[in-house]
Amino acid sequence: MQSPPSNDHQFTQITADLSGVAASSLRDATALTGLLIAAAGAAGFATIGAPVVRELPDGEVAAVLFLDACHITLRTLPEREMLLLDILAPATRDSQKALDVFTRRLAPKKLRSETRTRG
């Protein structure tokens, strides 16, 4: 008889579309970098270095923050007033707290998210 899988190697992945966010907020790479760090802290993640952030010629921002055994990535679409977010974390952590930081600070008019168990 096999024992049930341990949570040690299971992950939770939250993908979210935050729409109706001010375009100026979505072009502010410095503020978005701060949100990545604040989100990681709120969920109790330890970071592995500084966020990698790219400001693209059309005003979009792409960023990733590598964490202990997980990551948070974002991509902005200012012309559509949308932020795309991906949070991958060990199942033993509350990654919803990281999403909550983005929703509180960016105040989207609409939030669509999906949570999946991975691994």
C-alpha atoms as a PDB file:
ATOM      1  CA  MET A   1       0.000   0.000   0.000  1.00  0.00           C
ATOM      2  CA  GLN A   2       1.316   3.409  -0.964  1.00  0.00           C
ATOM      3  CA  SER A   3       1.259   6.215   1.528  1.00  0.00           C
ATOM      4  CA  PRO A   4      -0.399   9.489   0.491  1.00  0.00           C
ATOM      5  CA  PRO A   5       1.904  12.026  -1.129  1.00  0.00           C
ATOM      6  CA  SER A   6       3.600  14.438   1.230  1.00  0.00           C
ATOM      7  CA  ASN A   7       3.045  18.199   0.949  1.00  0.00           C
ATOM      8  CA  ASP A   8       6.833  18.624   0.835  1.00  0.00           C
ATOM      9  CA  HIS A   9       6.811  18.484  -2.952  1.00  0.00           C
ATOM     10  CA  GLN A  10       3.406  19.938  -3.685  1.00  0.00           C
ATOM     11  CA  PHE A  11       2.872  23.477  -4.825  1.00  0.00           C
ATOM     12  CA  THR A  12       0.045  25.935  -5.095  1.00  0.00           C
ATOM     13  CA  GLN A  13      -0.100  28.100  -8.190  1.00  0.00           C
ATOM     14  CA  ILE A  14      -2.244  31.203  -8.351  1.00  0.00           C
ATOM     15  CA  THR A  15      -2.697  32.909 -11.685  1.00  0.00           C
ATOM     16  CA  ALA A  16      -4.553  36.193 -11.661  1.00  0.00           C
ATOM     17  CA  ASP A  17      -5.706  38.872 -14.064  1.00  0.00           C
ATOM     18  CA  LEU A  18      -6.161  42.245 -12.387  1.00  0.00           C
ATOM     19  CA  SER A  19      -8.075  44.511 -14.752  1.00  0.00           C
ATOM     20  CA  GLY A  20      -9.174  48.105 -14.481  1.00  0.00           C
ATOM     21  CA  VAL A  21      -5.830  49.163 -12.973  1.00  0.00           C
ATOM     22  CA  ALA A  22      -4.580  52.686 -13.735  1.00  0.00           C
ATOM     23  CA  ALA A  23      -2.180  52.554 -16.686  1.00  0.00           C
ATOM     24  CA  SER A  24       0.254  54.855 -14.888  1.00  0.00           C
ATOM     25  CA  SER A  25       0.563  52.305 -12.051  1.00  0.00           C
ATOM     26  CA  LEU A  26       1.272  49.571 -14.577  1.00  0.00           C
ATOM     27  CA  ARG A  27       4.128  51.560 -16.122  1.00  0.00           C
ATOM     28  CA  ASP A  28       5.790  52.289 -12.763  1.00  0.00           C
ATOM     29  CA  ALA A  29       8.533  49.655 -12.607  1.00  0.00           C
ATOM     30  CA  THR A  30       9.861  50.956  -9.289  1.00  0.00           C
ATOM     31  CA  ALA A  31       6.485  50.656  -7.551  1.00  0.00           C
ATOM     32  CA  LEU A  32       5.868  47.220  -9.074  1.00  0.00           C
ATOM     33  CA  THR A  33       9.267  46.056  -7.818  1.00  0.00           C
ATOM     34  CA  GLY A  34       8.255  47.187  -4.348  1.00  0.00           C
ATOM     35  CA  LEU A  35       4.978  45.282  -4.653  1.00  0.00           C
ATOM     36  CA  LEU A  36       6.834  42.083  -5.553  1.00  0.00           C
ATOM     37  CA  ILE A  37       8.986  42.404  -2.438  1.00  0.00           C
ATOM     38  CA  ALA A  38       6.013  43.348  -0.226  1.00  0.00           C
ATOM     39  CA  ALA A  39       3.967  40.416  -1.552  1.00  0.00           C
ATOM     40  CA  ALA A  40       6.784  37.983  -0.833  1.00  0.00           C
ATOM     41  CA  GLY A  41       7.152  39.355   2.679  1.00  0.00           C
ATOM     42  CA  ALA A  42       3.417  39.190   3.381  1.00  0.00           C
ATOM     43  CA  ALA A  43       3.369  35.495   2.468  1.00  0.00           C
ATOM     44  CA  GLY A  44       6.508  34.768   4.499  1.00  0.00           C
ATOM     45  CA  PHE A  45       8.755  33.922   1.552  1.00  0.00           C
ATOM     46  CA  ALA A  46      12.514  34.352   1.605  1.00  0.00           C
ATOM     47  CA  THR A  47      13.852  35.980  -1.557  1.00  0.00           C
ATOM     48  CA  ILE A  48      16.767  34.710  -3.615  1.00  0.00           C
ATOM     49  CA  GLY A  49      18.218  37.993  -4.836  1.00  0.00           C
ATOM     50  CA  ALA A  50      16.608  41.116  -6.157  1.00  0.00           C
ATOM     51  CA  PRO A  51      13.679  41.096  -8.600  1.00  0.00           C
ATOM     52  CA  VAL A  52      14.571  40.953 -12.280  1.00  0.00           C
ATOM     53  CA  VAL A  53      12.585  43.750 -13.925  1.00  0.00           C
ATOM     54  CA  ARG A  54      12.414  44.764 -17.571  1.00  0.00           C
ATOM     55  CA  GLU A  55      10.782  47.932 -18.823  1.00  0.00           C
ATOM     56  CA  LEU A  56       9.692  47.289 -22.384  1.00  0.00           C
ATOM     57  CA  PRO A  57       9.622  49.950 -25.123  1.00  0.00           C
ATOM     58  CA  ASP A  58       5.802  50.086 -25.228  1.00  0.00           C
ATOM     59  CA  GLY A  59       5.554  50.929 -21.502  1.00  0.00           C
ATOM     60  CA  GLU A  60       4.896  47.372 -20.375  1.00  0.00           C
ATOM     61  CA  VAL A  61       6.777  45.915 -17.420  1.00  0.00           C
ATOM     62  CA  ALA A  62       7.830  42.284 -16.998  1.00  0.00           C
ATOM     63  CA  ALA A  63       9.291  41.060 -13.712  1.00  0.00           C
ATOM     64  CA  VAL A  64      10.179  37.951 -11.757  1.00  0.00           C
ATOM     65  CA  LEU A  65      11.164  37.486  -8.141  1.00  0.00           C
ATOM     66  CA  PHE A  66      12.750  34.149  -7.326  1.00  0.00           C
ATOM     67  CA  LEU A  67      11.896  32.900  -3.857  1.00  0.00           C
ATOM     68  CA  ASP A  68      12.795  29.933  -1.717  1.00  0.00           C
ATOM     69  CA  ALA A  69      11.430  27.059  -3.822  1.00  0.00           C
ATOM     70  CA  CYS A  70       9.021  29.255  -5.763  1.00  0.00           C
ATOM     71  CA  HIS A  71       8.510  32.502  -7.708  1.00  0.00           C
ATOM     72  CA  ILE A  72       6.268  35.469  -8.371  1.00  0.00           C
ATOM     73  CA  THR A  73       6.079  36.839 -11.915  1.00  0.00           C
ATOM     74  CA  LEU A  74       4.139  39.722 -13.377  1.00  0.00           C
ATOM     75  CA  ARG A  75       3.491  41.282 -16.738  1.00  0.00           C
ATOM     76  CA  THR A  76       1.672  44.549 -17.265  1.00  0.00           C
ATOM     77  CA  LEU A  77      -0.478  45.589 -20.191  1.00  0.00           C
ATOM     78  CA  PRO A  78      -1.046  49.309 -19.528  1.00  0.00           C
ATOM     79  CA  GLU A  79      -3.002  49.897 -22.735  1.00  0.00           C
ATOM     80  CA  ARG A  80      -5.523  47.289 -21.483  1.00  0.00           C
ATOM     81  CA  GLU A  81      -5.260  48.424 -17.818  1.00  0.00           C
ATOM     82  CA  MET A  82      -4.306  44.857 -16.882  1.00  0.00           C
ATOM     83  CA  LEU A  83      -1.708  43.094 -14.751  1.00  0.00           C
ATOM     84  CA  LEU A  84      -1.068  39.368 -15.218  1.00  0.00           C
ATOM     85  CA  LEU A  85       0.308  37.655 -12.128  1.00  0.00           C
ATOM     86  CA  ASP A  86       1.686  34.167 -11.442  1.00  0.00           C
ATOM     87  CA  ILE A  87       2.513  32.982  -7.931  1.00  0.00           C
ATOM     88  CA  LEU A  88       4.024  29.529  -7.428  1.00  0.00           C
ATOM     89  CA  ALA A  89       4.649  28.491  -3.829  1.00  0.00           C
ATOM     90  CA  PRO A  90       5.003  25.397  -1.660  1.00  0.00           C
ATOM     91  CA  ALA A  91       1.569  24.130  -0.607  1.00  0.00           C
ATOM     92  CA  THR A  92       2.550  24.703   3.014  1.00  0.00           C
ATOM     93  CA  ARG A  93       2.574  28.492   2.458  1.00  0.00           C
ATOM     94  CA  ASP A  94      -0.368  30.886   2.105  1.00  0.00           C
ATOM     95  CA  SER A  95       0.299  32.366  -1.330  1.00  0.00           C
ATOM     96  CA  GLN A  96      -3.092  34.123  -1.249  1.00  0.00           C
ATOM     97  CA  LYS A  97      -1.459  36.697   1.026  1.00  0.00           C
ATOM     98  CA  ALA A  98       0.883  37.636  -1.829  1.00  0.00           C
ATOM     99  CA  LEU A  99      -2.061  38.161  -4.197  1.00  0.00           C
ATOM    100  CA  ASP A 100      -3.812  40.251  -1.538  1.00  0.00           C
ATOM    101  CA  VAL A 101      -0.917  42.747  -1.552  1.00  0.00           C
ATOM    102  CA  PHE A 102      -1.379  43.376  -5.276  1.00  0.00           C
ATOM    103  CA  THR A 103      -5.154  43.711  -5.043  1.00  0.00           C
ATOM    104  CA  ARG A 104      -5.007  46.105  -2.075  1.00  0.00           C
ATOM    105  CA  ARG A 105      -2.365  48.353  -3.603  1.00  0.00           C
ATOM    106  CA  LEU A 106      -3.535  48.357  -7.244  1.00  0.00           C
ATOM    107  CA  ALA A 107      -7.307  48.332  -6.515  1.00  0.00           C
ATOM    108  CA  PRO A 108      -8.378  46.582  -9.725  1.00  0.00           C
ATOM    109  CA  LYS A 109     -11.960  47.007 -10.867  1.00  0.00           C
ATOM    110  CA  LYS A 110     -12.046  43.278 -11.608  1.00  0.00           C
ATOM    111  CA  LEU A 111     -10.036  40.315 -10.368  1.00  0.00           C
ATOM    112  CA  ARG A 112     -10.066  36.920 -12.012  1.00  0.00           C
ATOM    113  CA  SER A 113      -7.915  34.269 -10.359  1.00  0.00           C
ATOM    114  CA  GLU A 114      -7.430  30.538 -10.397  1.00  0.00           C
ATOM    115  CA  THR A 115      -5.684  28.380  -7.809  1.00  0.00           C
ATOM    116  CA  ARG A 116      -4.268  24.984  -8.722  1.00  0.00           C
ATOM    117  CA  THR A 117      -2.386  22.327  -6.817  1.00  0.00           C
ATOM    118  CA  ARG A 118       0.780  21.302  -8.647  1.00  0.00           C
ATOM    119  CA  GLY A 119       3.324  18.540  -8.205  1.00  0.00           C
END
